[in-house]
Amino acid sequence: MSEKKIRLSDIANELGVTASTVSRALQDHPRISDSTKEAVVKKAEELNYQYNNIAAALRKGTSNLLGILVPTADRNFFSSIIRGVEELANDTGYNVVICQSYDSFEKEKKNINALLEAQVDGILASIAMETADYAHYQKVLDSNIPLIFYDRVNPSLHTSSVVVDDYRGAYQVVEHLVDQGCSRIAHFAGEQHINIYQERLRGYKDALKAHDLPVDEQLIIKNKLKLDSGSEAMKQLLSLSNPPDAIFSASDYAAIGAIQVLKEKNIDVPGQIAVAGFSNEQFTSLVDPPLTTIDQQTNKMGKMAAELFFQQMKSKEQEFEPQQKVLEPKLITRASTLKKR
C-alpha cells in the first residue's frame, strides 16, 4: 500500500498556519519570519515532503536545474566533463540533471523533451552519433532556453559551443608518427556528419600532404570507432598487399581494438605498426603498450560550457551573442608509437 503524498496543506494543518505561508516559507520569502521558516522546513522534513520543482519553476521563472546530455556517462571523457559542469554549477546553487543518449537519435529527442518538461534553466549537449536532424535542438532555442554544445556540435544552430581543436590534435598525431619514421599511416575515421570526425580526418589528410605523403583512401576506414570496430578495421588493413606501418584512430577505443588484433598476430607495437588514439581515456596509460593519444582538457571543457550558460542567463536576450570557445589539444606520447632508434 503506497504512502499518502504529503501536501502543503498537511504541513499547514500541523503548524496551524495557512498553506500560502508554508509555500512562501519554503521559497525563503522575505516577509516570512526566520522562526516560521525554520518550523516549516523542520516539519516538512519530518513529514518527508517532496518539493515540487516544476511547480516552483513556474512560479519563480527559474528552476535552478541545469540539464546535461552526454552520449554515455561511463566513458572517462564524458564523466570528466560532467565533473567540470557540476563543480561550477553546484557552487552557483544549481543542481545538474544528467541524461544519456547512448548515441541514439530517438533517445536524444526523448531526453531533450524530458529536460524541457522538467523546466531546466539550460541544456548542455554533445550530439549523438546517429543524429542528423536537429529539430529537437531548435525547439530548445525556440523556447528561449540557453543551449550550449560541447565536443560534438552543430555550427548551423545559433548557439554557444566549447570544443577542442580537433583539426590541430589530428595534425599533431600524424606529425608525431612521421617523426617516428612512419610513412604509410592509416586512419580510423568516425561518422562524417559529426563535426569532430570531419575535423580529425581533415587534420590527418593535411598533415600527410604537408610531409609529402600520399592520401591513400584504402587506408581510411570509417566506422563506429568502438572496440570491435577497431578490431575489424585492423584485420581489413592487414589483408592489404601493402599494410600500413601506423594507425591513427579518432577514438582510443578503436585504437585498443587494433592493438588487440596486432598482439594476437604477434605483430610488434610500435616496432612494426605504431598505434595512436584520441581523447586520453583513463585506460590509455594502463594498457600494454601505453597508448599515445590527445588530451582534450575535458574538465575545463565542462567548466567552460557551464560558464557560457551562466553568462547567457545573466545577459539580456537582445544583448547575448553566441560564443565559440576552442581549447588547445595536448599530444601525449607513450610507448605505442615511440619506435626504438
Protein backbone atom coordinates (compact mmCIF):
# COMPACT_ATOMS: atom_id res chain seq x y z
CA MET A 1 0.00 0.00 0.00
CA SER A 2 1.52 3.32 -1.04
CA GLU A 3 2.06 6.10 1.48
CA LYS A 4 -0.08 9.21 1.31
CA LYS A 5 1.55 12.05 -0.63
CA ILE A 6 2.26 14.95 1.70
CA ARG A 7 0.89 18.31 0.55
CA LEU A 8 1.45 21.90 1.64
CA SER A 9 -1.91 21.83 3.40
CA ASP A 10 -0.76 18.90 5.56
CA ILE A 11 2.24 20.89 6.80
CA ALA A 12 -0.01 23.95 7.31
CA ASN A 13 -2.51 21.95 9.43
CA GLU A 14 0.29 20.55 11.59
CA LEU A 15 1.62 24.04 12.31
CA GLY A 16 -1.66 25.95 12.43
CA VAL A 17 -0.77 28.27 9.57
CA THR A 18 -2.04 28.74 6.02
CA ALA A 19 -0.80 26.75 3.03
CA SER A 20 0.34 30.02 1.39
CA THR A 21 2.53 30.74 4.43
CA VAL A 22 4.11 27.30 4.12
CA SER A 23 4.72 27.87 0.40
CA ARG A 24 6.36 31.24 1.00
CA ALA A 25 8.49 29.84 3.82
CA LEU A 26 9.80 27.06 1.58
CA GLN A 27 10.66 29.70 -1.03
CA ASP A 28 12.56 31.74 1.59
CA HIS A 29 10.19 34.69 1.14
CA PRO A 30 11.50 37.84 2.94
CA ARG A 31 8.10 38.56 4.56
CA ILE A 32 8.13 35.26 6.44
CA SER A 33 9.95 35.30 9.78
CA ASP A 34 13.02 33.17 10.32
CA SER A 35 11.32 31.26 13.13
CA THR A 36 8.37 30.36 10.88
CA LYS A 37 10.72 29.32 8.07
CA GLU A 38 12.66 27.11 10.46
CA ALA A 39 9.47 25.49 11.78
CA VAL A 40 8.13 24.87 8.27
CA VAL A 41 11.39 23.33 7.00
CA LYS A 42 11.63 21.11 10.10
CA LYS A 43 8.03 19.90 9.75
CA ALA A 44 8.47 19.32 6.01
CA GLU A 45 11.46 17.09 6.73
CA GLU A 46 9.55 15.21 9.46
CA LEU A 47 6.67 14.52 7.08
CA ASN A 48 9.04 13.71 4.17
CA TYR A 49 7.51 16.38 1.97
CA GLN A 50 8.70 16.21 -1.64
CA TYR A 51 9.21 19.68 -3.07
CA ASN A 52 7.58 20.15 -6.47
CA ASN A 53 10.39 21.64 -8.52
CA ILE A 54 8.29 22.06 -11.67
CA ALA A 55 5.57 23.99 -9.87
CA ALA A 56 8.20 26.13 -8.17
CA ALA A 57 9.88 26.82 -11.50
CA LEU A 58 6.61 28.02 -12.97
CA ARG A 59 6.14 30.38 -10.01
CA LYS A 60 9.71 31.72 -9.87
CA GLY A 61 10.59 31.61 -13.55
CA THR A 62 13.72 29.62 -12.72
CA SER A 63 14.28 26.05 -11.52
CA ASN A 64 18.00 26.12 -10.65
CA LEU A 65 18.30 22.94 -12.70
CA LEU A 66 20.86 22.55 -15.48
CA GLY A 67 20.47 19.63 -17.89
CA ILE A 68 23.49 17.93 -19.43
CA LEU A 69 23.13 15.44 -22.26
CA VAL A 70 26.00 13.00 -22.85
CA PRO A 71 26.30 10.15 -25.37
CA THR A 72 27.34 7.90 -22.47
CA ALA A 73 28.41 8.59 -18.89
CA ASP A 74 30.62 5.51 -18.50
CA ARG A 75 33.50 6.95 -20.54
CA ASN A 76 36.10 8.97 -18.69
CA PHE A 77 35.85 11.66 -21.38
CA PHE A 78 32.21 12.44 -20.61
CA SER A 79 32.35 11.75 -16.86
CA SER A 80 35.18 14.28 -16.62
CA ILE A 81 33.05 16.85 -18.47
CA ILE A 82 30.18 16.17 -16.07
CA ARG A 83 32.53 16.74 -13.12
CA GLY A 84 33.61 20.07 -14.59
CA VAL A 85 29.98 21.16 -15.07
CA GLU A 86 28.92 20.05 -11.58
CA GLU A 87 31.86 21.73 -9.84
CA LEU A 88 30.84 25.10 -11.23
CA ALA A 89 27.07 24.59 -11.18
CA ASN A 90 26.93 23.36 -7.57
CA ASP A 91 28.99 26.34 -6.41
CA THR A 92 26.38 28.57 -8.04
CA GLY A 93 23.42 26.87 -6.36
CA TYR A 94 22.44 24.73 -9.34
CA ASN A 95 21.70 21.02 -9.49
CA VAL A 96 22.66 19.07 -12.60
CA VAL A 97 20.31 16.63 -14.34
CA ILE A 98 22.27 14.07 -16.39
CA CYS A 99 20.77 12.28 -19.41
CA GLN A 100 22.42 9.72 -21.72
CA SER A 101 21.57 9.37 -25.40
CA TYR A 102 23.65 6.21 -25.94
CA ASP A 103 24.35 7.78 -29.35
CA SER A 104 20.71 7.16 -30.33
CA PHE A 105 18.78 9.86 -32.19
CA GLU A 106 15.44 8.76 -30.75
CA LYS A 107 16.80 8.56 -27.21
CA GLU A 108 18.32 12.01 -27.60
CA LYS A 109 14.98 13.52 -28.68
CA LYS A 110 13.22 11.93 -25.69
CA ASN A 111 15.89 13.25 -23.33
CA ILE A 112 15.55 16.79 -24.69
CA ASN A 113 11.77 16.65 -24.25
CA ALA A 114 12.17 15.30 -20.70
CA LEU A 115 14.56 18.11 -19.78
CA LEU A 116 12.16 20.71 -21.20
CA GLU A 117 9.29 19.18 -19.22
CA ALA A 118 11.45 19.32 -16.08
CA GLN A 119 11.71 23.08 -16.60
CA VAL A 120 15.52 23.12 -16.66
CA ASP A 121 17.04 26.58 -17.00
CA GLY A 122 19.52 25.44 -19.64
CA ILE A 123 20.85 22.43 -21.55
CA LEU A 124 24.46 21.45 -22.30
CA ALA A 125 24.64 18.82 -25.03
CA SER A 126 27.02 16.67 -27.04
CA ILE A 127 25.25 15.42 -30.17
CA ALA A 128 24.52 11.69 -30.56
CA MET A 129 26.34 9.77 -33.28
CA GLU A 130 23.06 8.91 -35.07
CA THR A 131 21.72 12.47 -35.09
CA ALA A 132 21.39 14.19 -38.46
CA ASP A 133 18.10 16.04 -37.85
CA TYR A 134 18.35 18.89 -35.33
CA ALA A 135 14.71 19.98 -34.99
CA HIS A 136 14.62 18.98 -31.30
CA TYR A 137 17.55 21.31 -30.59
CA GLN A 138 15.85 24.12 -32.48
CA LYS A 139 12.85 23.51 -30.20
CA VAL A 140 15.09 24.31 -27.22
CA LEU A 141 16.22 27.58 -28.82
CA ASP A 142 12.64 28.46 -29.78
CA SER A 143 11.72 28.03 -26.10
CA ASN A 144 14.34 30.68 -25.20
CA ILE A 145 16.27 28.18 -23.10
CA PRO A 146 20.06 28.50 -23.26
CA LEU A 147 21.60 25.65 -25.27
CA ILE A 148 25.35 25.13 -25.21
CA PHE A 149 27.02 22.45 -27.30
CA TYR A 150 30.29 20.86 -26.24
CA ASP A 151 32.61 18.47 -28.12
CA ARG A 152 30.13 17.38 -30.82
CA VAL A 153 28.40 20.48 -32.12
CA ASN A 154 26.22 21.75 -34.95
CA PRO A 155 27.61 25.06 -36.26
CA SER A 156 24.39 25.79 -38.18
CA LEU A 157 22.46 26.39 -34.94
CA HIS A 158 22.72 29.86 -33.42
CA THR A 159 24.15 28.85 -30.05
CA SER A 160 27.35 28.78 -28.00
CA SER A 161 29.82 25.90 -28.03
CA VAL A 162 33.02 24.58 -26.47
CA VAL A 163 35.28 22.28 -28.48
CA VAL A 164 38.88 21.19 -28.62
CA ASP A 165 40.80 21.98 -31.81
CA ASP A 166 40.24 18.53 -33.34
CA TYR A 167 41.99 19.51 -36.56
CA ARG A 168 45.13 20.54 -34.69
CA GLY A 169 45.04 17.44 -32.50
CA ALA A 170 44.88 15.12 -35.50
CA TYR A 171 47.63 17.07 -37.25
CA GLN A 172 49.87 16.71 -34.16
CA VAL A 173 49.37 12.93 -34.04
CA VAL A 174 50.23 12.41 -37.71
CA GLU A 175 53.23 14.73 -37.45
CA HIS A 176 54.47 12.73 -34.46
CA LEU A 177 54.07 9.44 -36.37
CA VAL A 178 56.01 10.86 -39.30
CA ASP A 179 58.76 11.97 -36.90
CA GLN A 180 58.93 8.37 -35.68
CA GLY A 181 59.67 7.22 -39.24
CA CYS A 182 56.16 6.14 -40.27
CA SER A 183 55.22 6.81 -43.89
CA ARG A 184 52.10 4.70 -44.50
CA ILE A 185 49.65 5.93 -41.87
CA ALA A 186 46.08 4.61 -41.75
CA HIS A 187 43.15 6.42 -40.17
CA PHE A 188 40.08 5.08 -38.35
CA ALA A 189 37.55 7.85 -39.05
CA GLY A 190 34.15 8.29 -37.41
CA GLU A 191 30.78 9.23 -38.89
CA GLN A 192 31.46 12.19 -41.16
CA HIS A 193 28.26 14.11 -40.37
CA ILE A 194 29.73 14.66 -36.88
CA ASN A 195 31.94 17.74 -36.74
CA ILE A 196 34.76 16.30 -34.63
CA TYR A 197 35.37 13.40 -37.01
CA GLN A 198 35.29 15.70 -40.03
CA GLU A 199 37.98 17.84 -38.42
CA ARG A 200 40.15 14.89 -37.36
CA LEU A 201 40.04 13.48 -40.89
CA ARG A 202 40.90 16.89 -42.33
CA GLY A 203 43.84 17.25 -39.94
CA TYR A 204 45.07 13.76 -40.85
CA LYS A 205 44.97 14.48 -44.58
CA ASP A 206 46.59 17.91 -44.32
CA ALA A 207 49.43 16.58 -42.17
CA LEU A 208 50.16 13.86 -44.74
CA LYS A 209 50.21 16.41 -47.55
CA ALA A 210 52.46 18.74 -45.55
CA HIS A 211 55.01 15.93 -45.28
CA ASP A 212 54.69 14.94 -48.96
CA LEU A 213 52.94 11.68 -48.14
CA PRO A 214 50.07 10.44 -50.34
CA VAL A 215 46.47 10.25 -49.09
CA ASP A 216 45.51 6.64 -49.79
CA GLU A 217 41.73 6.14 -49.47
CA GLN A 218 42.35 2.42 -48.84
CA LEU A 219 43.91 3.42 -45.53
CA ILE A 220 40.90 5.48 -44.36
CA ILE A 221 38.24 3.36 -42.69
CA LYS A 222 35.03 4.99 -41.47
CA ASN A 223 33.28 3.10 -38.68
CA LYS A 224 31.61 3.42 -35.26
CA LEU A 225 35.00 3.76 -33.50
CA LYS A 226 34.17 1.13 -30.88
CA LEU A 227 36.46 -1.65 -29.67
CA ASP A 228 35.13 -4.21 -32.16
CA SER A 229 35.16 -1.59 -34.95
CA GLY A 230 38.88 -1.13 -34.38
CA SER A 231 39.47 -4.88 -34.44
CA GLU A 232 37.62 -5.30 -37.72
CA ALA A 233 39.35 -2.32 -39.30
CA MET A 234 42.77 -3.63 -38.29
CA LYS A 235 42.04 -7.02 -39.83
CA GLN A 236 40.94 -5.28 -43.03
CA LEU A 237 44.16 -3.27 -43.22
CA LEU A 238 46.35 -6.32 -42.55
CA SER A 239 44.74 -8.05 -45.54
CA LEU A 240 46.13 -5.39 -47.89
CA SER A 241 49.10 -6.28 -50.07
CA ASN A 242 50.86 -3.27 -48.56
CA PRO A 243 49.67 -2.85 -44.94
CA PRO A 244 50.21 0.39 -43.01
CA ASP A 245 53.10 1.00 -40.62
CA ALA A 246 50.97 3.18 -38.32
CA ILE A 247 47.36 3.65 -37.21
CA PHE A 248 45.83 6.95 -36.13
CA SER A 249 42.40 6.27 -34.66
CA ALA A 250 39.90 9.08 -34.00
CA SER A 251 38.98 7.15 -30.83
CA ASP A 252 41.00 5.46 -28.09
CA TYR A 253 38.56 2.54 -28.04
CA ALA A 254 39.08 1.63 -31.71
CA ALA A 255 42.85 2.02 -31.21
CA ILE A 256 42.78 -0.57 -28.42
CA GLY A 257 40.79 -2.91 -30.69
CA ALA A 258 43.57 -2.58 -33.26
CA ILE A 259 46.28 -3.34 -30.69
CA GLN A 260 44.42 -6.48 -29.58
CA VAL A 261 44.47 -7.83 -33.14
CA LEU A 262 48.14 -6.97 -33.60
CA LYS A 263 49.02 -8.79 -30.39
CA GLU A 264 47.04 -11.86 -31.46
CA LYS A 265 49.05 -11.93 -34.69
CA ASN A 266 52.37 -11.32 -32.89
CA ILE A 267 52.91 -8.03 -34.70
CA ASP A 268 55.12 -5.73 -32.67
CA VAL A 269 53.66 -2.41 -31.47
CA PRO A 270 55.20 0.03 -32.26
CA GLY A 271 58.14 -1.76 -33.97
CA GLN A 272 56.12 -2.95 -36.96
CA ILE A 273 52.94 -0.89 -36.61
CA ALA A 274 52.61 2.16 -34.35
CA VAL A 275 49.15 2.96 -32.92
CA ALA A 276 47.75 6.27 -31.65
CA GLY A 277 44.29 7.24 -30.41
CA PHE A 278 42.35 10.37 -29.46
CA SER A 279 40.67 11.50 -26.18
CA ASN A 280 43.06 10.29 -23.44
CA GLU A 281 40.59 7.88 -21.86
CA GLN A 282 41.67 6.73 -18.41
CA PHE A 283 42.74 3.27 -19.57
CA THR A 284 45.19 4.59 -22.18
CA SER A 285 48.03 4.86 -19.66
CA LEU A 286 47.33 1.37 -18.28
CA VAL A 287 47.23 -0.79 -21.43
CA ASP A 288 50.29 -2.57 -22.82
CA PRO A 289 51.84 -0.74 -24.54
CA PRO A 290 50.51 2.55 -23.12
CA LEU A 291 48.67 4.44 -25.85
CA THR A 292 49.76 7.70 -27.46
CA THR A 293 46.71 9.97 -27.57
CA ILE A 294 45.34 13.52 -27.47
CA ASP A 295 44.17 15.07 -24.21
CA GLN A 296 41.10 17.26 -24.74
CA GLN A 297 41.05 19.11 -21.40
CA THR A 298 37.65 17.65 -20.59
CA ASN A 299 37.25 19.03 -17.07
CA LYS A 300 37.99 22.51 -18.40
CA MET A 301 35.59 21.90 -21.29
CA GLY A 302 32.78 21.13 -18.82
CA LYS A 303 33.51 24.22 -16.73
CA MET A 304 33.63 26.47 -19.80
CA ALA A 305 30.29 25.10 -21.05
CA ALA A 306 28.74 25.85 -17.64
CA GLU A 307 30.31 29.33 -17.65
CA LEU A 308 28.74 30.06 -21.04
CA PHE A 309 25.35 29.03 -19.64
CA PHE A 310 25.65 31.36 -16.65
CA GLN A 311 26.85 34.21 -18.86
CA GLN A 312 23.80 33.76 -21.06
CA MET A 313 21.49 33.63 -18.03
CA LYS A 314 22.88 36.98 -16.84
CA SER A 315 22.65 38.62 -20.26
CA LYS A 316 19.58 40.28 -21.60
CA GLU A 317 18.30 38.26 -24.55
CA GLN A 318 18.79 41.04 -27.09
CA GLU A 319 22.39 41.62 -25.97
CA PHE A 320 23.54 38.00 -25.99
CA GLU A 321 25.64 36.73 -28.87
CA PRO A 322 26.66 33.04 -29.02
CA GLN A 323 30.31 32.36 -28.28
CA GLN A 324 32.55 29.64 -29.68
CA LYS A 325 35.35 28.54 -27.37
CA VAL A 326 38.20 26.40 -28.74
CA LEU A 327 40.59 24.56 -26.40
CA GLU A 328 44.13 23.61 -27.35
CA PRO A 329 44.75 19.84 -27.70
CA LYS A 330 47.70 18.26 -25.93
CA LEU A 331 49.65 15.40 -27.54
CA ILE A 332 50.60 12.71 -25.01
CA THR A 333 53.28 10.43 -26.44
CA ARG A 334 53.55 6.93 -25.00
CA ALA A 335 55.15 3.59 -25.89
CA SER A 336 52.58 2.62 -28.57
CA THR A 337 54.24 4.99 -31.05
CA LEU A 338 57.78 5.53 -29.72
CA LYS A 339 59.95 3.44 -32.02
CA LYS A 340 63.41 2.38 -30.85
CA ARG A 341 66.15 4.03 -32.90
